N, C-alpha and C. Protein backbone atom coordinates (compact mmCIF):
# COMPACT_ATOMS: atom_id res chain seq x y z
N MET A 1 -8.31 -13.11 -4.09
CA MET A 1 -9.29 -13.10 -3.04
C MET A 1 -10.65 -13.47 -3.04
N GLU A 2 -11.26 -13.53 -4.19
CA GLU A 2 -12.55 -14.29 -4.13
C GLU A 2 -12.80 -15.91 -4.12
N VAL A 3 -11.82 -16.47 -3.23
CA VAL A 3 -11.61 -17.89 -3.65
C VAL A 3 -12.65 -18.53 -2.49
N LYS A 4 -13.50 -19.39 -2.77
CA LYS A 4 -14.65 -20.31 -1.67
C LYS A 4 -13.54 -21.48 -1.34
N LEU A 5 -13.74 -22.10 -0.06
CA LEU A 5 -13.29 -22.44 0.51
C LEU A 5 -13.20 -24.02 -0.27
N GLY A 6 -14.24 -24.30 -1.16
CA GLY A 6 -13.98 -25.97 -2.01
C GLY A 6 -12.97 -25.57 -2.86
N GLU A 7 -12.80 -24.57 -3.22
CA GLU A 7 -11.80 -24.05 -4.76
C GLU A 7 -10.37 -23.90 -4.12
N LEU A 8 -10.15 -24.22 -2.80
CA LEU A 8 -8.83 -23.32 -2.43
C LEU A 8 -7.66 -24.67 -3.07
N PRO A 9 -8.03 -25.82 -2.85
CA PRO A 9 -7.05 -26.85 -3.35
C PRO A 9 -6.77 -26.48 -4.93
N SER A 10 -7.36 -26.22 -5.24
CA SER A 10 -7.27 -26.02 -6.95
C SER A 10 -6.71 -24.97 -7.08
N TRP A 11 -6.98 -23.82 -6.34
CA TRP A 11 -6.57 -22.59 -6.70
C TRP A 11 -4.60 -22.53 -5.97
N ILE A 12 -4.14 -23.33 -4.82
CA ILE A 12 -3.29 -23.41 -4.87
C ILE A 12 -2.75 -23.81 -5.63
N LEU A 13 -3.16 -25.04 -6.27
CA LEU A 13 -2.30 -25.74 -7.15
C LEU A 13 -2.12 -24.88 -8.48
N MET A 14 -2.67 -24.23 -8.70
CA MET A 14 -2.27 -23.09 -10.10
C MET A 14 -1.40 -22.30 -9.78
N ARG A 15 -1.05 -21.92 -8.79
CA ARG A 15 -0.30 -20.88 -8.36
C ARG A 15 1.36 -21.44 -8.85
N ASN A 16 2.10 -20.12 -8.91
CA ASN A 16 3.57 -20.39 -9.71
C ASN A 16 4.65 -20.60 -8.51
N PHE A 17 5.11 -21.91 -8.36
CA PHE A 17 6.09 -21.76 -7.46
C PHE A 17 7.31 -21.99 -7.73
N THR A 18 7.83 -21.34 -9.08
CA THR A 18 9.28 -21.38 -9.22
C THR A 18 9.30 -20.20 -8.44
N PRO A 19 10.76 -19.79 -8.22
CA PRO A 19 11.53 -18.71 -7.52
C PRO A 19 11.22 -17.65 -7.95
N SER A 20 11.26 -17.17 -9.84
CA SER A 20 10.64 -16.21 -9.99
C SER A 20 8.82 -15.87 -9.79
N GLY A 21 7.97 -16.64 -9.68
CA GLY A 21 6.54 -16.70 -9.09
C GLY A 21 6.79 -16.46 -7.80
N ILE A 22 7.48 -16.98 -7.08
CA ILE A 22 7.45 -16.63 -5.55
C ILE A 22 8.10 -15.26 -5.28
N VAL A 23 8.97 -14.88 -5.74
CA VAL A 23 9.50 -13.03 -5.72
C VAL A 23 8.31 -12.30 -6.43
N GLY A 24 7.78 -12.96 -7.34
CA GLY A 24 6.62 -11.86 -8.10
C GLY A 24 5.53 -11.61 -7.01
N ALA A 25 5.37 -12.48 -5.90
CA ALA A 25 4.12 -12.60 -5.02
C ALA A 25 4.83 -11.69 -4.03
N PHE A 26 5.96 -11.97 -3.67
CA PHE A 26 6.59 -10.93 -2.86
C PHE A 26 6.32 -9.49 -3.08
N GLN A 27 6.67 -9.05 -4.28
CA GLN A 27 6.73 -7.97 -4.75
C GLN A 27 5.35 -7.33 -5.35
N ARG A 28 4.53 -8.33 -5.27
CA ARG A 28 2.84 -7.81 -5.42
C ARG A 28 2.34 -7.39 -4.27
N GLY A 29 2.99 -8.30 -3.18
CA GLY A 29 2.48 -8.24 -1.81
C GLY A 29 2.93 -6.71 -1.11
N TYR A 30 4.12 -6.53 -1.48
CA TYR A 30 4.97 -5.09 -1.07
C TYR A 30 4.52 -4.28 -1.47
N ASP A 31 3.77 -4.07 -3.25
CA ASP A 31 3.50 -3.18 -3.52
C ASP A 31 2.13 -2.72 -3.04
N ARG A 32 1.26 -3.71 -2.76
CA ARG A 32 -0.30 -3.84 -2.21
C ARG A 32 -0.01 -2.88 -0.81
N TYR A 33 0.91 -3.47 -0.24
CA TYR A 33 1.28 -2.98 1.24
C TYR A 33 1.87 -1.44 1.20
N TYR A 34 2.38 -1.27 0.29
CA TYR A 34 3.06 0.06 0.08
C TYR A 34 1.96 1.37 -0.40
N ASN A 35 1.42 0.86 -1.16
CA ASN A 35 0.35 1.85 -1.55
C ASN A 35 -0.89 1.88 -0.60
N LYS A 36 -1.19 1.00 -0.02
CA LYS A 36 -2.25 1.05 1.09
C LYS A 36 -2.17 1.90 2.28
N TYR A 37 -0.82 1.82 2.82
CA TYR A 37 -0.40 2.14 4.05
C TYR A 37 0.66 3.45 3.90
N ILE A 38 1.78 3.28 3.20
CA ILE A 38 2.73 4.03 2.97
C ILE A 38 2.54 5.28 2.16
N ASN A 39 2.27 4.96 0.89
CA ASN A 39 2.18 5.96 -0.24
C ASN A 39 0.82 6.54 -0.19
N VAL A 40 0.25 7.41 0.80
CA VAL A 40 -1.21 7.82 1.16
C VAL A 40 -1.28 9.51 1.02
N ARG A 41 -1.85 10.35 1.00
CA ARG A 41 -2.08 11.38 1.05
C ARG A 41 -1.71 12.22 2.41
N LYS A 42 -2.84 11.39 3.23
CA LYS A 42 -2.61 11.70 4.67
C LYS A 42 -1.96 10.61 5.37
N GLY A 43 -0.55 10.18 5.56
CA GLY A 43 0.00 9.55 5.68
C GLY A 43 -0.12 9.63 7.41
N SER A 44 0.16 8.41 7.97
CA SER A 44 0.36 8.24 9.64
C SER A 44 1.31 7.13 9.87
N ILE A 45 1.50 7.06 11.16
CA ILE A 45 2.44 6.16 11.73
C ILE A 45 2.49 4.76 11.45
N SER A 46 0.91 3.93 11.30
CA SER A 46 0.49 3.17 11.45
C SER A 46 1.01 2.11 10.51
N GLY A 47 1.65 2.46 9.14
CA GLY A 47 2.06 1.59 8.31
C GLY A 47 3.51 0.68 8.80
N ILE A 48 4.26 1.78 9.29
CA ILE A 48 5.45 1.56 10.04
C ILE A 48 5.35 0.89 11.13
N ASN A 49 4.23 1.24 11.95
CA ASN A 49 4.13 0.57 13.03
C ASN A 49 3.61 -0.61 12.76
N MET A 50 2.93 -1.07 11.73
CA MET A 50 2.78 -2.58 12.13
C MET A 50 3.92 -3.74 11.36
N VAL A 51 4.63 -2.78 10.40
CA VAL A 51 6.06 -3.50 10.50
C VAL A 51 7.35 -3.92 11.54
N LEU A 52 6.86 -3.33 12.18
CA LEU A 52 7.27 -2.92 13.84
C LEU A 52 6.99 -4.03 14.78
N ALA A 53 5.38 -4.05 14.61
CA ALA A 53 4.89 -5.01 15.34
C ALA A 53 5.36 -6.35 14.89
N ALA A 54 5.23 -6.88 13.57
CA ALA A 54 5.52 -8.19 12.75
C ALA A 54 7.10 -8.24 13.20
N TYR A 55 7.64 -7.51 13.51
CA TYR A 55 9.29 -7.99 13.82
C TYR A 55 9.30 -8.09 15.22
N VAL A 56 8.47 -7.65 16.14
CA VAL A 56 8.79 -8.09 17.43
C VAL A 56 7.66 -9.27 17.90
N VAL A 57 7.11 -9.64 17.05
CA VAL A 57 6.23 -11.25 17.22
C VAL A 57 7.05 -11.88 16.37
N PHE A 58 7.84 -11.83 15.59
CA PHE A 58 8.76 -12.54 14.61
C PHE A 58 10.01 -13.39 15.54
N SER A 59 10.32 -11.94 15.97
CA SER A 59 11.59 -11.96 16.80
C SER A 59 11.00 -12.93 18.31
N TYR A 60 10.11 -12.82 18.89
CA TYR A 60 9.66 -13.42 20.18
C TYR A 60 9.61 -14.89 19.65
N CYS A 61 8.92 -15.26 18.65
CA CYS A 61 9.04 -16.50 18.12
C CYS A 61 10.23 -17.19 17.72
N ILE A 62 10.90 -16.19 17.24
CA ILE A 62 12.39 -16.99 17.09
C ILE A 62 12.97 -17.43 18.48
N SER A 63 13.11 -16.55 19.65
CA SER A 63 13.73 -16.72 20.45
C SER A 63 12.67 -17.18 21.87
N TYR A 64 11.45 -17.92 21.68
CA TYR A 64 10.59 -18.40 22.55
C TYR A 64 11.29 -19.33 23.09
N LYS A 65 12.12 -20.21 22.86
CA LYS A 65 12.80 -21.67 23.36
C LYS A 65 13.51 -21.23 24.61
N GLU A 66 14.42 -19.75 24.16
CA GLU A 66 15.43 -19.65 24.99
C GLU A 66 14.78 -18.92 26.12
N LEU A 67 13.54 -18.01 25.75
CA LEU A 67 12.78 -17.26 27.11
C LEU A 67 12.19 -18.26 27.77
N LYS A 68 11.22 -19.59 27.71
CA LYS A 68 10.64 -20.34 28.21
C LYS A 68 11.89 -20.75 29.13
N HIS A 69 13.02 -21.15 29.03
CA HIS A 69 14.14 -21.61 29.64
C HIS A 69 14.43 -20.88 30.73
N GLU A 70 14.93 -19.71 30.43
CA GLU A 70 14.91 -18.64 31.28
C GLU A 70 13.71 -18.08 32.35
N ARG A 71 12.54 -18.42 32.17
CA ARG A 71 11.37 -18.05 32.72
C ARG A 71 11.27 -18.99 34.09
N ARG A 72 11.69 -20.41 33.58
CA ARG A 72 11.63 -21.46 34.68
C ARG A 72 13.10 -21.63 35.66
N ARG A 73 13.66 -20.40 35.60
CA ARG A 73 14.87 -20.85 36.60
C ARG A 73 14.69 -19.83 37.39
N LYS A 74 14.97 -20.36 39.00
CA LYS A 74 14.88 -19.57 40.05
C LYS A 74 16.31 -18.66 40.48
N TYR A 75 15.79 -17.87 40.97
CA TYR A 75 16.91 -16.76 41.19
C TYR A 75 17.35 -16.28 42.80
N HIS A 76 18.22 -17.45 42.93
CA HIS A 76 18.49 -17.15 44.66
C HIS A 76 19.74 -18.04 44.79
């Protein structure tokens, strides 16, 4: 997390892009998210709300083409 902008290309090339490396990266990201927002003493709904908001944005992006087409249609 302490990568400077000039070091970014070399840092990206050092990453492990094998399937096991990608799975490990997703697993580390999930563990960080779970420990920060879900597995806390005074839990709240914010962690689950973030997942739901991401799902809504992702679904909107996927169906944007169809929604855009429907928006221009006149109903009369």
